[in-house]
Amino acid sequence: MAGDTLSERDLAEIERSAEEARRTILEAPDRRQIDRYLSPPSDTPYSLEYAFYLLGNIRGKTVLDLGCGTGENVVPLVERGAQVMGIDISPELIELARLRLQTAHVEAALKIGSAYDTGLDRGSVDIIFCMALVHHLDIRRVRDEMLRILANGGVVILKEPIRFSEAYAFLRGLLPAQENVSEFEHPLTRAELAMMTEHFDVREERYFRLPWLPLITGILPLLSSAMWKVDGWVLRHCPPLRKYATVVAMRLVKSGGQGAAAIT
């Protein structure tokens, strides 16, 4: 990608990703951190496990990990039998992803590219696995590119930070910003999530992580597992509290296409 074709937002994301790459230390593959995503339960309290659950049977499917970063999710996607591609705008992160795949002894097609212009053929992808990427981007542009490259009945597995409560957004804004955060990124509002899901059928969704959870697990780390389970139970059984959730995971099916049954 030529520098003069990149927006200020793109350049900020490349800079942020380069800093992430500099802080990343690749270690030998942890079998436990791969196995947990191979067949997670539907009631898992963890949003990434739930995203992998939403994939269903992907053996033989063409799966794009959009915004693949250092390739952590690519490894279990390959082990589940998919034909996997990974795209990320950061050369440094893609290089780390290649090293990760080598140490894990798996193969996938990785490339440097923009989520707005992937270079993939129209209708060539069965499933897009997109973890915490959209909130960095121009939502309409990335959504339209997803719709272009997805096959009829194609699926997006989406996980994003959200902030639906204006009161919580105000209180959170009083706290110091997290490190290595671009000025362009922010948790999705309800309206922004609605924009992202336009032209898709939302088949399944769940909300995760109430604001108190990081505070309690930080103070009482021995209770972390129990608190995650409590958090998950509360959000499943008390719908009014979902507006305070900080993460959503959902399964989107391209509307109006044929062949959805092949992936559902």
C-alpha atoms as a PDB file:
ATOM      1  CA  MET A   1       0.000   0.000   0.000  1.00  0.00           C
ATOM      2  CA  ALA A   2       1.405   3.326  -1.026  1.00  0.00           C
ATOM      3  CA  GLY A   3       1.639   5.868   1.762  1.00  0.00           C
ATOM      4  CA  ASP A   4      -0.266   8.512  -0.227  1.00  0.00           C
ATOM      5  CA  THR A   5      -3.312   6.221  -0.450  1.00  0.00           C
ATOM      6  CA  LEU A   6      -3.590   5.891   3.311  1.00  0.00           C
ATOM      7  CA  SER A   7      -5.833   8.136   5.381  1.00  0.00           C
ATOM      8  CA  GLU A   8      -4.780   9.802   8.621  1.00  0.00           C
ATOM      9  CA  ARG A   9      -6.842   7.150  10.390  1.00  0.00           C
ATOM     10  CA  ASP A  10      -4.998   4.342   8.563  1.00  0.00           C
ATOM     11  CA  LEU A  11      -1.617   5.814   9.417  1.00  0.00           C
ATOM     12  CA  ALA A  12      -2.587   6.151  13.069  1.00  0.00           C
ATOM     13  CA  GLU A  13      -3.628   2.496  13.147  1.00  0.00           C
ATOM     14  CA  ILE A  14      -0.361   1.387  11.509  1.00  0.00           C
ATOM     15  CA  GLU A  15       1.584   3.359  14.114  1.00  0.00           C
ATOM     16  CA  ARG A  16      -0.492   1.869  16.955  1.00  0.00           C
ATOM     17  CA  SER A  17      -0.018  -1.641  15.554  1.00  0.00           C
ATOM     18  CA  ALA A  18       3.742  -1.148  15.235  1.00  0.00           C
ATOM     19  CA  GLU A  19       3.872  -0.255  18.929  1.00  0.00           C
ATOM     20  CA  GLU A  20       1.809  -3.362  19.717  1.00  0.00           C
ATOM     21  CA  ALA A  21       4.258  -5.472  17.713  1.00  0.00           C
ATOM     22  CA  ARG A  22       7.226  -4.011  19.580  1.00  0.00           C
ATOM     23  CA  ARG A  23       5.625  -4.982  22.895  1.00  0.00           C
ATOM     24  CA  THR A  24       4.704  -8.497  21.793  1.00  0.00           C
ATOM     25  CA  ILE A  25       6.917 -11.384  22.879  1.00  0.00           C
ATOM     26  CA  LEU A  26       6.173 -14.594  21.000  1.00  0.00           C
ATOM     27  CA  GLU A  27       6.402 -17.666  23.162  1.00  0.00           C
ATOM     28  CA  ALA A  28       6.137 -21.365  22.395  1.00  0.00           C
ATOM     29  CA  PRO A  29       2.544 -22.361  21.557  1.00  0.00           C
ATOM     30  CA  ASP A  30       0.454 -22.963  24.676  1.00  0.00           C
ATOM     31  CA  ARG A  31      -1.652 -26.013  23.924  1.00  0.00           C
ATOM     32  CA  ARG A  32      -4.257 -24.987  26.488  1.00  0.00           C
ATOM     33  CA  GLN A  33      -4.756 -21.628  24.790  1.00  0.00           C
ATOM     34  CA  ILE A  34      -5.402 -23.383  21.491  1.00  0.00           C
ATOM     35  CA  ASP A  35      -7.566 -26.237  22.737  1.00  0.00           C
ATOM     36  CA  ARG A  36     -10.009 -23.918  24.537  1.00  0.00           C
ATOM     37  CA  TYR A  37     -11.121 -22.552  21.138  1.00  0.00           C
ATOM     38  CA  LEU A  38     -11.534 -25.856  19.325  1.00  0.00           C
ATOM     39  CA  SER A  39     -14.921 -26.792  20.823  1.00  0.00           C
ATOM     40  CA  PRO A  40     -16.049 -24.205  23.397  1.00  0.00           C
ATOM     41  CA  PRO A  41     -19.488 -24.504  25.065  1.00  0.00           C
ATOM     42  CA  SER A  42     -22.383 -22.219  24.176  1.00  0.00           C
ATOM     43  CA  ASP A  43     -22.625 -20.904  27.744  1.00  0.00           C
ATOM     44  CA  THR A  44     -18.973 -19.906  28.091  1.00  0.00           C
ATOM     45  CA  PRO A  45     -18.555 -16.633  30.026  1.00  0.00           C
ATOM     46  CA  TYR A  46     -15.674 -15.578  27.759  1.00  0.00           C
ATOM     47  CA  SER A  47     -16.447 -13.565  24.640  1.00  0.00           C
ATOM     48  CA  LEU A  48     -13.652 -14.943  22.451  1.00  0.00           C
ATOM     49  CA  GLU A  49     -14.593 -18.526  23.284  1.00  0.00           C
ATOM     50  CA  TYR A  50     -18.181 -17.671  22.397  1.00  0.00           C
ATOM     51  CA  ALA A  51     -17.055 -16.213  19.066  1.00  0.00           C
ATOM     52  CA  PHE A  52     -15.320 -19.501  18.282  1.00  0.00           C
ATOM     53  CA  TYR A  53     -18.468 -21.362  19.356  1.00  0.00           C
ATOM     54  CA  LEU A  54     -20.503 -19.313  16.865  1.00  0.00           C
ATOM     55  CA  LEU A  55     -18.329 -20.598  14.012  1.00  0.00           C
ATOM     56  CA  GLY A  56     -19.870 -24.056  14.146  1.00  0.00           C
ATOM     57  CA  ASN A  57     -18.403 -26.598  11.728  1.00  0.00           C
ATOM     58  CA  ILE A  58     -15.919 -24.767   9.489  1.00  0.00           C
ATOM     59  CA  ARG A  59     -14.100 -27.761   8.048  1.00  0.00           C
ATOM     60  CA  GLY A  60     -13.325 -27.066   4.408  1.00  0.00           C
ATOM     61  CA  LYS A  61     -14.709 -23.504   4.573  1.00  0.00           C
ATOM     62  CA  THR A  62     -12.784 -20.437   3.428  1.00  0.00           C
ATOM     63  CA  VAL A  63     -12.312 -18.307   6.533  1.00  0.00           C
ATOM     64  CA  LEU A  64     -10.810 -14.817   6.586  1.00  0.00           C
ATOM     65  CA  ASP A  65      -9.361 -13.567   9.879  1.00  0.00           C
ATOM     66  CA  LEU A  66      -9.796  -9.864   9.171  1.00  0.00           C
ATOM     67  CA  GLY A  67      -7.395  -7.838  11.278  1.00  0.00           C
ATOM     68  CA  CYS A  68      -5.514 -10.993  12.228  1.00  0.00           C
ATOM     69  CA  GLY A  69      -2.811  -9.195  14.228  1.00  0.00           C
ATOM     70  CA  THR A  70      -0.149 -11.611  15.452  1.00  0.00           C
ATOM     71  CA  GLY A  71      -2.148 -14.642  14.305  1.00  0.00           C
ATOM     72  CA  GLU A  72      -3.329 -15.920  17.680  1.00  0.00           C
ATOM     73  CA  ASN A  73      -6.738 -16.826  16.281  1.00  0.00           C
ATOM     74  CA  VAL A  74      -5.403 -18.162  13.002  1.00  0.00           C
ATOM     75  CA  VAL A  75      -3.917 -21.246  14.670  1.00  0.00           C
ATOM     76  CA  PRO A  76      -7.189 -22.661  16.134  1.00  0.00           C
ATOM     77  CA  LEU A  77      -9.048 -21.716  12.934  1.00  0.00           C
ATOM     78  CA  VAL A  78      -6.625 -23.866  10.935  1.00  0.00           C
ATOM     79  CA  GLU A  79      -6.816 -26.691  13.478  1.00  0.00           C
ATOM     80  CA  ARG A  80     -10.596 -26.699  13.078  1.00  0.00           C
ATOM     81  CA  GLY A  81     -10.120 -27.611   9.437  1.00  0.00           C
ATOM     82  CA  ALA A  82     -10.717 -24.310   7.646  1.00  0.00           C
ATOM     83  CA  GLN A  83      -8.837 -22.857   4.710  1.00  0.00           C
ATOM     84  CA  VAL A  84      -7.639 -19.724   6.494  1.00  0.00           C
ATOM     85  CA  MET A  85      -6.505 -16.341   5.247  1.00  0.00           C
ATOM     86  CA  GLY A  86      -5.292 -13.537   7.494  1.00  0.00           C
ATOM     87  CA  ILE A  87      -5.152  -9.857   6.587  1.00  0.00           C
ATOM     88  CA  ASP A  88      -3.765  -7.011   8.670  1.00  0.00           C
ATOM     89  CA  ILE A  89      -2.696  -3.482   7.780  1.00  0.00           C
ATOM     90  CA  SER A  90       0.455  -3.764   9.927  1.00  0.00           C
ATOM     91  CA  PRO A  91       3.591  -5.270   8.338  1.00  0.00           C
ATOM     92  CA  GLU A  92       5.071  -5.802  11.803  1.00  0.00           C
ATOM     93  CA  LEU A  93       2.060  -7.764  13.053  1.00  0.00           C
ATOM     94  CA  ILE A  94       1.913  -9.881   9.903  1.00  0.00           C
ATOM     95  CA  GLU A  95       5.576 -10.779  10.362  1.00  0.00           C
ATOM     96  CA  LEU A  96       4.856 -11.891  13.928  1.00  0.00           C
ATOM     97  CA  ALA A  97       1.872 -13.882  12.671  1.00  0.00           C
ATOM     98  CA  ARG A  98       4.101 -15.711  10.189  1.00  0.00           C
ATOM     99  CA  LEU A  99       6.531 -16.582  12.980  1.00  0.00           C
ATOM    100  CA  ARG A 100       3.658 -17.783  15.175  1.00  0.00           C
ATOM    101  CA  LEU A 101       2.351 -20.082  12.454  1.00  0.00           C
ATOM    102  CA  GLN A 102       5.826 -21.515  11.905  1.00  0.00           C
ATOM    103  CA  THR A 103       6.269 -22.359  15.575  1.00  0.00           C
ATOM    104  CA  ALA A 104       2.771 -23.893  15.686  1.00  0.00           C
ATOM    105  CA  HIS A 105       3.452 -25.894  12.492  1.00  0.00           C
ATOM    106  CA  VAL A 106       0.309 -24.718  10.721  1.00  0.00           C
ATOM    107  CA  GLU A 107      -0.183 -23.031   7.365  1.00  0.00           C
ATOM    108  CA  ALA A 108      -2.404 -20.118   6.353  1.00  0.00           C
ATOM    109  CA  ALA A 109      -2.287 -17.398   3.703  1.00  0.00           C
ATOM    110  CA  LEU A 110      -1.229 -14.131   5.350  1.00  0.00           C
ATOM    111  CA  LYS A 111      -1.029 -10.749   3.660  1.00  0.00           C
ATOM    112  CA  ILE A 112      -0.642  -7.071   4.468  1.00  0.00           C
ATOM    113  CA  GLY A 113      -3.781  -5.257   3.421  1.00  0.00           C
ATOM    114  CA  SER A 114      -6.590  -2.871   4.236  1.00  0.00           C
ATOM    115  CA  ALA A 115      -9.955  -3.972   5.590  1.00  0.00           C
ATOM    116  CA  TYR A 116     -11.479  -1.491   3.141  1.00  0.00           C
ATOM    117  CA  ASP A 117      -9.827  -3.053   0.092  1.00  0.00           C
ATOM    118  CA  THR A 118      -8.790  -6.648   0.776  1.00  0.00           C
ATOM    119  CA  GLY A 119      -7.988  -7.477  -2.835  1.00  0.00           C
ATOM    120  CA  LEU A 120     -10.107 -10.635  -2.559  1.00  0.00           C
ATOM    121  CA  ASP A 121     -12.588 -11.635  -5.237  1.00  0.00           C
ATOM    122  CA  ARG A 122     -16.269 -10.866  -4.868  1.00  0.00           C
ATOM    123  CA  GLY A 123     -18.099 -13.690  -3.090  1.00  0.00           C
ATOM    124  CA  SER A 124     -14.884 -15.632  -2.394  1.00  0.00           C
ATOM    125  CA  VAL A 125     -15.132 -15.946   1.415  1.00  0.00           C
ATOM    126  CA  ASP A 126     -17.475 -18.200   3.391  1.00  0.00           C
ATOM    127  CA  ILE A 127     -16.799 -16.765   6.852  1.00  0.00           C
ATOM    128  CA  ILE A 128     -15.184 -13.574   8.136  1.00  0.00           C
ATOM    129  CA  PHE A 129     -13.803 -13.839  11.661  1.00  0.00           C
ATOM    130  CA  CYS A 130     -13.432 -10.270  12.895  1.00  0.00           C
ATOM    131  CA  MET A 131     -12.285  -9.730  16.463  1.00  0.00           C
ATOM    132  CA  ALA A 132     -12.179  -6.175  17.863  1.00  0.00           C
ATOM    133  CA  LEU A 133     -11.330  -4.526  14.546  1.00  0.00           C
ATOM    134  CA  VAL A 134     -14.362  -2.518  13.466  1.00  0.00           C
ATOM    135  CA  HIS A 135     -14.134   0.029  16.294  1.00  0.00           C
ATOM    136  CA  HIS A 136     -10.791   1.154  14.821  1.00  0.00           C
ATOM    137  CA  LEU A 137     -12.248   1.806  11.363  1.00  0.00           C
ATOM    138  CA  ASP A 138     -14.726   3.636   9.161  1.00  0.00           C
ATOM    139  CA  ILE A 139     -17.644   1.305   9.863  1.00  0.00           C
ATOM    140  CA  ARG A 140     -19.544   1.761   6.619  1.00  0.00           C
ATOM    141  CA  ARG A 141     -16.481   1.113   4.461  1.00  0.00           C
ATOM    142  CA  VAL A 142     -15.408  -2.072   6.242  1.00  0.00           C
ATOM    143  CA  ARG A 143     -18.999  -3.357   6.303  1.00  0.00           C
ATOM    144  CA  ASP A 144     -19.382  -2.815   2.559  1.00  0.00           C
ATOM    145  CA  GLU A 145     -16.113  -4.650   1.847  1.00  0.00           C
ATOM    146  CA  MET A 146     -17.294  -7.562   3.990  1.00  0.00           C
ATOM    147  CA  LEU A 147     -20.541  -7.715   2.011  1.00  0.00           C
ATOM    148  CA  ARG A 148     -18.593  -7.648  -1.257  1.00  0.00           C
ATOM    149  CA  ILE A 149     -16.234 -10.525  -0.498  1.00  0.00           C
ATOM    150  CA  LEU A 150     -18.744 -12.772   1.309  1.00  0.00           C
ATOM    151  CA  ALA A 151     -20.382 -15.609  -0.601  1.00  0.00           C
ATOM    152  CA  ASN A 152     -24.173 -15.839  -0.708  1.00  0.00           C
ATOM    153  CA  GLY A 153     -25.274 -16.790   2.782  1.00  0.00           C
ATOM    154  CA  GLY A 154     -21.819 -15.928   4.074  1.00  0.00           C
ATOM    155  CA  VAL A 155     -21.239 -15.332   7.782  1.00  0.00           C
ATOM    156  CA  VAL A 156     -19.439 -12.728   9.865  1.00  0.00           C
ATOM    157  CA  ILE A 157     -18.431 -13.648  13.400  1.00  0.00           C
ATOM    158  CA  LEU A 158     -18.043 -10.280  15.076  1.00  0.00           C
ATOM    159  CA  LYS A 159     -16.688  -9.370  18.516  1.00  0.00           C
ATOM    160  CA  GLU A 160     -16.412  -5.706  19.476  1.00  0.00           C
ATOM    161  CA  PRO A 161     -16.115  -3.440  22.515  1.00  0.00           C
ATOM    162  CA  ILE A 162     -19.336  -1.491  23.063  1.00  0.00           C
ATOM    163  CA  ARG A 163     -20.591   1.347  25.228  1.00  0.00           C
ATOM    164  CA  PHE A 164     -24.368   1.767  25.065  1.00  0.00           C
ATOM    165  CA  SER A 165     -24.929   3.539  28.392  1.00  0.00           C
ATOM    166  CA  GLU A 166     -24.388   7.307  28.204  1.00  0.00           C
ATOM    167  CA  ALA A 167     -24.005   7.480  31.986  1.00  0.00           C
ATOM    168  CA  TYR A 168     -21.261   4.849  31.959  1.00  0.00           C
ATOM    169  CA  ALA A 169     -19.631   6.507  28.943  1.00  0.00           C
ATOM    170  CA  PHE A 170     -19.473   9.784  30.895  1.00  0.00           C
ATOM    171  CA  LEU A 171     -17.955   8.133  33.978  1.00  0.00           C
ATOM    172  CA  ARG A 172     -15.470   6.136  31.901  1.00  0.00           C
ATOM    173  CA  GLY A 173     -14.430   9.322  30.146  1.00  0.00           C
ATOM    174  CA  LEU A 174     -13.302  10.760  33.475  1.00  0.00           C
ATOM    175  CA  LEU A 175     -10.694   7.996  33.844  1.00  0.00           C
ATOM    176  CA  PRO A 176      -7.267   8.068  32.161  1.00  0.00           C
ATOM    177  CA  ALA A 177      -7.194   6.695  28.623  1.00  0.00           C
ATOM    178  CA  GLN A 178      -5.622   3.308  28.052  1.00  0.00           C
ATOM    179  CA  GLU A 179      -2.123   3.165  26.616  1.00  0.00           C
ATOM    180  CA  ASN A 180      -1.543   2.588  22.902  1.00  0.00           C
ATOM    181  CA  VAL A 181      -5.025   3.697  21.867  1.00  0.00           C
ATOM    182  CA  SER A 182      -5.493   5.610  18.621  1.00  0.00           C
ATOM    183  CA  GLU A 183      -7.438   8.876  18.770  1.00  0.00           C
ATOM    184  CA  PHE A 184      -9.828   7.410  16.191  1.00  0.00           C
ATOM    185  CA  GLU A 185     -10.888   4.280  18.074  1.00  0.00           C
ATOM    186  CA  HIS A 186     -13.675   3.985  20.627  1.00  0.00           C
ATOM    187  CA  PRO A 187     -16.177   1.346  21.773  1.00  0.00           C
ATOM    188  CA  LEU A 188     -19.133   1.111  19.413  1.00  0.00           C
ATOM    189  CA  THR A 189     -22.300   2.971  20.278  1.00  0.00           C
ATOM    190  CA  ARG A 190     -25.686   1.338  19.719  1.00  0.00           C
ATOM    191  CA  ALA A 191     -26.108   3.360  16.505  1.00  0.00           C
ATOM    192  CA  GLU A 192     -22.663   2.341  15.221  1.00  0.00           C
ATOM    193  CA  LEU A 193     -23.350  -1.330  15.887  1.00  0.00           C
ATOM    194  CA  ALA A 194     -26.657  -0.978  14.029  1.00  0.00           C
ATOM    195  CA  MET A 195     -24.749   0.485  11.073  1.00  0.00           C
ATOM    196  CA  MET A 196     -22.332  -2.437  11.111  1.00  0.00           C
ATOM    197  CA  THR A 197     -25.127  -5.027  11.121  1.00  0.00           C
ATOM    198  CA  GLU A 198     -27.165  -3.335   8.386  1.00  0.00           C
ATOM    199  CA  HIS A 199     -27.741  -5.712   5.429  1.00  0.00           C
ATOM    200  CA  PHE A 200     -27.016  -8.692   7.689  1.00  0.00           C
ATOM    201  CA  ASP A 201     -29.369 -10.968   9.617  1.00  0.00           C
ATOM    202  CA  VAL A 202     -28.309 -11.151  13.265  1.00  0.00           C
ATOM    203  CA  ARG A 203     -28.727 -14.825  14.096  1.00  0.00           C
ATOM    204  CA  GLU A 204     -27.079 -15.026  17.522  1.00  0.00           C
ATOM    205  CA  GLU A 205     -25.633 -12.479  19.923  1.00  0.00           C
ATOM    206  CA  ARG A 206     -24.464 -12.292  23.503  1.00  0.00           C
ATOM    207  CA  TYR A 207     -23.199  -9.534  25.764  1.00  0.00           C
ATOM    208  CA  PHE A 208     -20.190  -9.782  28.067  1.00  0.00           C
ATOM    209  CA  ARG A 209     -18.243  -8.096  30.844  1.00  0.00           C
ATOM    210  CA  LEU A 210     -20.048  -5.636  33.030  1.00  0.00           C
ATOM    211  CA  PRO A 211     -17.842  -2.700  34.147  1.00  0.00           C
ATOM    212  CA  TRP A 212     -17.359  -4.029  37.681  1.00  0.00           C
ATOM    213  CA  LEU A 213     -15.738  -7.257  36.504  1.00  0.00           C
ATOM    214  CA  PRO A 214     -12.185  -5.976  35.839  1.00  0.00           C
ATOM    215  CA  LEU A 215     -12.243  -4.123  39.159  1.00  0.00           C
ATOM    216  CA  ILE A 216     -13.183  -7.181  41.205  1.00  0.00           C
ATOM    217  CA  THR A 217     -10.876  -9.596  39.384  1.00  0.00           C
ATOM    218  CA  GLY A 218      -8.026  -7.096  39.745  1.00  0.00           C
ATOM    219  CA  ILE A 219      -8.538  -6.873  43.504  1.00  0.00           C
ATOM    220  CA  LEU A 220      -9.414 -10.561  44.060  1.00  0.00           C
ATOM    221  CA  PRO A 221      -7.633 -12.525  41.312  1.00  0.00           C
ATOM    222  CA  LEU A 222      -8.350 -15.870  43.008  1.00  0.00           C
ATOM    223  CA  LEU A 223     -12.060 -15.269  42.368  1.00  0.00           C
ATOM    224  CA  SER A 224     -11.538 -14.425  38.700  1.00  0.00           C
ATOM    225  CA  SER A 225     -13.034 -17.615  37.243  1.00  0.00           C
ATOM    226  CA  ALA A 226     -16.069 -17.497  39.530  1.00  0.00           C
ATOM    227  CA  MET A 227     -16.662 -13.806  38.817  1.00  0.00           C
ATOM    228  CA  TRP A 228     -16.555 -14.360  35.045  1.00  0.00           C
ATOM    229  CA  LYS A 229     -19.232 -17.040  35.468  1.00  0.00           C
ATOM    230  CA  VAL A 230     -21.381 -14.743  37.612  1.00  0.00           C
ATOM    231  CA  ASP A 231     -20.990 -11.976  35.052  1.00  0.00           C
ATOM    232  CA  GLY A 232     -22.057 -14.294  32.250  1.00  0.00           C
ATOM    233  CA  TRP A 233     -25.093 -15.542  34.190  1.00  0.00           C
ATOM    234  CA  VAL A 234     -26.237 -12.007  35.023  1.00  0.00           C
ATOM    235  CA  LEU A 235     -26.029 -10.821  31.412  1.00  0.00           C
ATOM    236  CA  ARG A 236     -27.857 -13.884  30.098  1.00  0.00           C
ATOM    237  CA  HIS A 237     -30.702 -13.664  32.621  1.00  0.00           C
ATOM    238  CA  CYS A 238     -31.073  -9.918  33.245  1.00  0.00           C
ATOM    239  CA  PRO A 239     -31.611  -8.243  29.841  1.00  0.00           C
ATOM    240  CA  PRO A 240     -31.936  -4.661  31.219  1.00  0.00           C
ATOM    241  CA  LEU A 241     -28.308  -4.822  32.390  1.00  0.00           C
ATOM    242  CA  ARG A 242     -27.020  -5.538  28.899  1.00  0.00           C
ATOM    243  CA  LYS A 243     -26.801  -1.826  28.154  1.00  0.00           C
ATOM    244  CA  TYR A 244     -23.905  -1.744  30.640  1.00  0.00           C
ATOM    245  CA  ALA A 245     -22.020  -4.609  28.957  1.00  0.00           C
ATOM    246  CA  THR A 246     -18.661  -3.690  27.442  1.00  0.00           C
ATOM    247  CA  VAL A 247     -18.340  -6.429  24.783  1.00  0.00           C
ATOM    248  CA  VAL A 248     -20.705  -8.012  22.270  1.00  0.00           C
ATOM    249  CA  ALA A 249     -20.193 -11.134  20.142  1.00  0.00           C
ATOM    250  CA  MET A 250     -22.574 -11.996  17.329  1.00  0.00           C
ATOM    251  CA  ARG A 251     -23.146 -14.102  14.240  1.00  0.00           C
ATOM    252  CA  LEU A 252     -24.231 -12.184  11.151  1.00  0.00           C
ATOM    253  CA  VAL A 253     -25.510 -13.771   7.947  1.00  0.00           C
ATOM    254  CA  LYS A 254     -25.415 -11.872   4.669  1.00  0.00           C
ATOM    255  CA  SER A 255     -28.998 -10.931   3.874  1.00  0.00           C
ATOM    256  CA  GLY A 256     -30.767 -11.794   0.646  1.00  0.00           C
ATOM    257  CA  GLY A 257     -28.290 -14.432  -0.519  1.00  0.00           C
ATOM    258  CA  GLN A 258     -28.817 -18.065  -1.378  1.00  0.00           C
ATOM    259  CA  GLY A 259     -27.119 -21.020   0.239  1.00  0.00           C
ATOM    260  CA  ALA A 260     -27.221 -19.823   3.853  1.00  0.00           C
ATOM    261  CA  ALA A 261     -28.046 -23.349   4.942  1.00  0.00           C
ATOM    262  CA  ALA A 262     -24.603 -24.486   3.873  1.00  0.00           C
ATOM    263  CA  ILE A 263     -23.023 -22.423   6.644  1.00  0.00           C
ATOM    264  CA  THR A 264     -25.722 -22.316   9.341  1.00  0.00           C
END
